[in-house]
Every structure is written in structure tokens, then in C-alpha cells.
Amino acid sequence: MQSLSESVIIEKARNGDTHAFRILVEQYQSMLFSVACRFLGKDEAEDIVQEAFIRLWKNFQRYRPEVKLTTWMYRIVTNLCLDHLKSKHRRNWFRRMDMNETNTVPDPSTPLKELENHELMQYVLKLAEGLTPRQRAVFILRDLEGLSSKEVCEILSMKAGNVKSNLYYARSKMNEGLKRFYSLTEKQMLR
């Protein structure tokens, strides 16, 4: 079945073919796990991704082929993450994650560069804790996951103006925090 087109696999899965659904899980699991990790951290992300695939299976008949499957899956994971954050009434929702396990840092050329990338990403993730849930969702999906503004609108059910506004405020807050980070880093280097 691996040689079948994705649209055929999707259609088979929609009709209850568990083998086709397993192929989709294998294909998209790491992508969804990466998104969930950015919201929640590794341990909670595993549960969210599992729940996302359960919901996808149960509701596959409602999937509309004119919408990209990845957009629909991003929406399911993002909504589950936001619901999880709201239900726990947590302000400090973003746990540090092991960057090597989630494969979010590119392969660096030197160990020093790897350390710098890891420290920077940890700082960015820590800064994201100070964003509102919507700002954080827009920032993660648009800037960290690299989705288009249109895709973010579809996933979060937001108007383009709201996405732009939330992204503007998120980037402003992140920019202020990164200026502090680089200022501290520069002072440490001068010692």
C-alpha cells in the first residue's frame, strides 16, 4: 500500500482501513509530536498526539478532502494542546524539552554551535511562556513550525487580521526578550 498516492490512502483510511490509517500515523506522528512538544513538553505531548490520532480515527468521516490533511491534523493537535493548557489553569505551561529527541535543532557544525543553538531555543521557549495562549499558538505555528498565515487562520479558526495582530504582539515580546538574552550573552563574553 506504500506505493499508493496519499489521497488514495486517506480515502481508504476514511472508509475504515486500519492499515491505511497506520500508514498515515507513521507518516505524520513526528510532525504532530514536534508541534505538541512546543506547547507542552515531551511527556504531555505523547499523550496529546495519541489523543489526536484517536480523534482523527473517530471523526475521519467528517474530514473534507478540499482541506489539506496536515492542516486538519494541526488544528486537532493545537486545539488539544490549548484545551489541555486551559484545563490545568497553568501559566507556566511550556516545559523545557530535550531538543535532540524532538529533532528541532539543525545538525550544527561544531559542539559549541550546538550548545549555542540549544541555549537559544531554550530561551525562546521560556519567553513563549509569557505570551497569551493565542499569541503563543500563532507564534509557534507561524514562526517555529513555518506554516503560512492562511494555514494558521484555518487551524486556529481566526481571521487574518487577528492572526497578524497576535503575531505582531508575540514577535514584539519575543524581540524584547531576545535583546535581553543577547545583551546578557555579550556581557558574559566580556568577562
Protein backbone atom coordinates (compact mmCIF):
# COMPACT_ATOMS: atom_id res chain seq x y z
CA MET A 1 0.00 0.00 0.00
CA GLN A 2 3.04 2.27 0.39
CA SER A 3 3.08 2.91 -3.38
CA LEU A 4 -0.47 4.32 -3.37
CA SER A 5 -0.97 8.07 -3.57
CA GLU A 6 -1.69 9.90 -0.35
CA SER A 7 -5.23 10.74 -1.49
CA VAL A 8 -5.97 7.03 -2.01
CA ILE A 9 -4.51 6.17 1.41
CA ILE A 10 -6.59 8.93 3.01
CA GLU A 11 -9.75 7.69 1.31
CA LYS A 12 -9.05 4.10 2.40
CA ALA A 13 -8.48 5.28 5.98
CA ARG A 14 -11.72 7.30 5.88
CA ASN A 15 -13.51 4.09 4.90
CA GLY A 16 -12.15 2.24 7.92
CA ASP A 17 -8.98 0.62 6.53
CA THR A 18 -6.75 0.31 9.61
CA HIS A 19 -3.64 -0.47 7.55
CA ALA A 20 -4.06 2.78 5.59
CA PHE A 21 -4.62 4.70 8.82
CA ARG A 22 -1.44 3.15 10.28
CA ILE A 23 0.48 4.48 7.27
CA LEU A 24 -0.85 7.99 7.97
CA VAL A 25 0.09 7.69 11.65
CA GLU A 26 3.63 6.67 10.75
CA GLN A 27 3.90 9.48 8.22
CA TYR A 28 2.64 12.31 10.45
CA GLN A 29 3.39 11.25 14.01
CA SER A 30 6.73 13.05 14.33
CA MET A 31 5.33 16.27 12.84
CA LEU A 32 2.44 16.33 15.33
CA PHE A 33 4.72 15.37 18.20
CA SER A 34 7.00 18.30 17.38
CA VAL A 35 4.07 20.74 17.48
CA ALA A 36 2.72 19.33 20.74
CA CYS A 37 6.21 19.47 22.32
CA ARG A 38 6.42 23.17 21.59
CA PHE A 39 3.21 23.69 23.52
CA LEU A 40 3.55 21.21 26.37
CA GLY A 41 6.84 19.41 26.61
CA LYS A 42 7.79 15.84 25.72
CA ASP A 43 5.83 13.82 28.30
CA GLU A 44 2.49 15.53 27.80
CA ALA A 45 2.99 15.76 24.03
CA GLU A 46 2.97 11.97 23.69
CA ASP A 47 -0.48 11.79 25.28
CA ILE A 48 -1.80 14.66 23.15
CA VAL A 49 -0.59 13.09 19.90
CA GLN A 50 -2.14 9.76 20.85
CA GLU A 51 -5.43 11.52 21.61
CA ALA A 52 -5.18 13.43 18.31
CA PHE A 53 -4.91 10.21 16.31
CA ILE A 54 -7.82 8.69 18.25
CA ARG A 55 -9.95 11.72 17.39
CA LEU A 56 -8.78 11.65 13.80
CA TRP A 57 -9.83 7.99 13.50
CA LYS A 58 -13.20 8.55 15.17
CA ASN A 59 -14.00 11.64 13.10
CA PHE A 60 -12.36 10.78 9.78
CA GLN A 61 -15.76 10.69 8.06
CA ARG A 62 -16.08 14.44 8.77
CA TYR A 63 -12.78 15.21 7.02
CA ARG A 64 -13.26 17.33 3.88
CA PRO A 65 -10.68 16.46 1.18
CA GLU A 66 -10.60 20.08 -0.05
CA VAL A 67 -8.70 20.91 3.19
CA LYS A 68 -5.14 19.62 3.46
CA LEU A 69 -4.95 16.69 5.88
CA THR A 70 -1.96 18.30 7.62
CA THR A 71 -4.00 21.46 8.26
CA TRP A 72 -6.75 19.39 9.84
CA MET A 73 -4.26 17.46 11.96
CA TYR A 74 -2.50 20.67 13.07
CA ARG A 75 -5.89 22.01 14.13
CA ILE A 76 -6.70 18.89 16.17
CA VAL A 77 -3.31 18.92 17.96
CA THR A 78 -3.35 22.68 18.54
CA ASN A 79 -6.88 22.57 19.96
CA LEU A 80 -6.00 19.63 22.21
CA CYS A 81 -2.92 21.48 23.46
CA LEU A 82 -4.86 24.67 24.14
CA ASP A 83 -7.63 22.71 25.89
CA HIS A 84 -5.02 20.92 27.99
CA LEU A 85 -3.40 24.20 28.99
CA LYS A 86 -6.74 25.76 29.88
CA SER A 87 -7.94 22.76 31.87
CA LYS A 88 -4.90 22.79 34.10
CA HIS A 89 -5.07 26.57 34.62
CA ARG A 90 -1.37 26.72 34.19
CA ARG A 91 0.53 29.87 33.48
CA ASN A 92 3.86 28.12 33.19
CA TRP A 93 2.82 25.63 30.53
CA PHE A 94 5.92 25.30 28.49
CA ARG A 95 8.37 22.78 29.89
CA ARG A 96 11.88 22.53 28.70
CA MET A 97 12.31 19.83 26.16
CA ASP A 98 15.20 17.75 25.02
CA MET A 99 15.95 19.31 21.66
CA ASN A 100 17.86 16.28 20.42
CA GLU A 101 14.87 13.95 20.97
CA THR A 102 12.45 16.18 19.05
CA ASN A 103 14.87 16.90 16.19
CA THR A 104 14.07 20.61 16.13
CA VAL A 105 17.64 21.91 16.03
CA PRO A 106 19.53 21.50 12.78
CA ASP A 107 22.73 19.49 12.81
CA PRO A 108 25.37 22.05 13.85
CA SER A 109 28.91 22.17 12.53
CA THR A 110 30.59 22.31 15.94
CA PRO A 111 29.78 21.31 19.53
CA LEU A 112 29.96 25.00 20.55
CA LYS A 113 27.41 25.91 17.88
CA GLU A 114 25.17 23.05 19.07
CA LEU A 115 25.33 24.41 22.63
CA GLU A 116 24.55 27.94 21.44
CA ASN A 117 21.56 26.72 19.38
CA HIS A 118 20.25 24.68 22.31
CA GLU A 119 20.59 27.59 24.75
CA LEU A 120 18.90 29.98 22.33
CA MET A 121 15.99 27.60 21.68
CA GLN A 122 15.55 27.03 25.41
CA TYR A 123 15.43 30.78 25.92
CA VAL A 124 12.92 31.24 23.09
CA LEU A 125 10.72 28.54 24.58
CA LYS A 126 10.98 30.15 28.02
CA LEU A 127 10.00 33.51 26.53
CA ALA A 128 6.97 31.89 24.90
CA GLU A 129 5.63 31.17 28.40
CA GLY A 130 4.89 34.90 28.77
CA LEU A 131 2.66 35.05 25.71
CA THR A 132 -1.12 34.74 25.84
CA PRO A 133 -2.42 31.35 24.64
CA ARG A 134 -3.48 32.75 21.25
CA GLN A 135 -0.23 34.69 20.76
CA ARG A 136 1.69 31.59 21.65
CA ALA A 137 -0.29 29.38 19.27
CA VAL A 138 0.16 31.84 16.39
CA PHE A 139 3.88 32.29 17.15
CA ILE A 140 4.55 28.54 17.37
CA LEU A 141 2.62 27.65 14.23
CA ARG A 142 3.81 30.58 12.12
CA ASP A 143 7.39 31.20 13.25
CA LEU A 144 8.56 27.92 14.76
CA GLU A 145 6.63 25.48 12.57
CA GLY A 146 6.86 27.67 9.44
CA LEU A 147 3.21 27.47 8.42
CA SER A 148 1.67 30.13 6.19
CA SER A 149 -0.64 32.77 7.65
CA LYS A 150 -3.52 31.17 5.74
CA GLU A 151 -2.83 27.79 7.33
CA VAL A 152 -2.63 29.38 10.80
CA CYS A 153 -6.00 31.06 10.16
CA GLU A 154 -7.55 27.71 9.23
CA ILE A 155 -6.00 25.79 12.12
CA LEU A 156 -6.95 28.33 14.80
CA SER A 157 -10.24 29.43 13.19
CA MET A 158 -9.07 33.03 13.29
CA LYS A 159 -9.44 35.89 10.84
CA ALA A 160 -6.30 37.05 9.06
CA GLY A 161 -6.30 40.35 10.95
CA ASN A 162 -6.40 38.56 14.31
CA VAL A 163 -3.52 36.30 13.29
CA LYS A 164 -1.48 39.31 12.17
CA SER A 165 -2.24 41.19 15.38
CA ASN A 166 -1.39 38.25 17.64
CA LEU A 167 1.78 37.57 15.67
CA TYR A 168 2.81 41.23 15.89
CA TYR A 169 2.45 41.32 19.69
CA ALA A 170 4.09 37.91 20.10
CA ARG A 171 7.06 38.93 17.96
CA SER A 172 7.38 42.23 19.84
CA LYS A 173 7.54 40.44 23.18
CA MET A 174 9.95 37.85 21.81
CA ASN A 175 12.13 40.58 20.31
CA GLU A 176 12.39 42.37 23.68
CA GLY A 177 13.32 39.14 25.40
CA LEU A 178 15.91 38.20 22.79
CA LYS A 179 17.54 41.63 23.10
CA ARG A 180 17.97 40.91 26.83
CA PHE A 181 19.37 37.45 26.03
CA TYR A 182 21.96 38.79 23.63
CA SER A 183 22.84 41.62 25.99
CA LEU A 184 23.46 39.12 28.81
CA THR A 185 25.41 36.82 26.50
CA GLU A 186 27.60 39.70 25.35
CA LYS A 187 28.30 40.77 28.94
CA GLN A 188 29.27 37.20 29.85
CA MET A 189 31.69 37.07 26.93
CA LEU A 190 33.39 40.29 28.06
CA ARG A 191 34.19 38.86 31.50
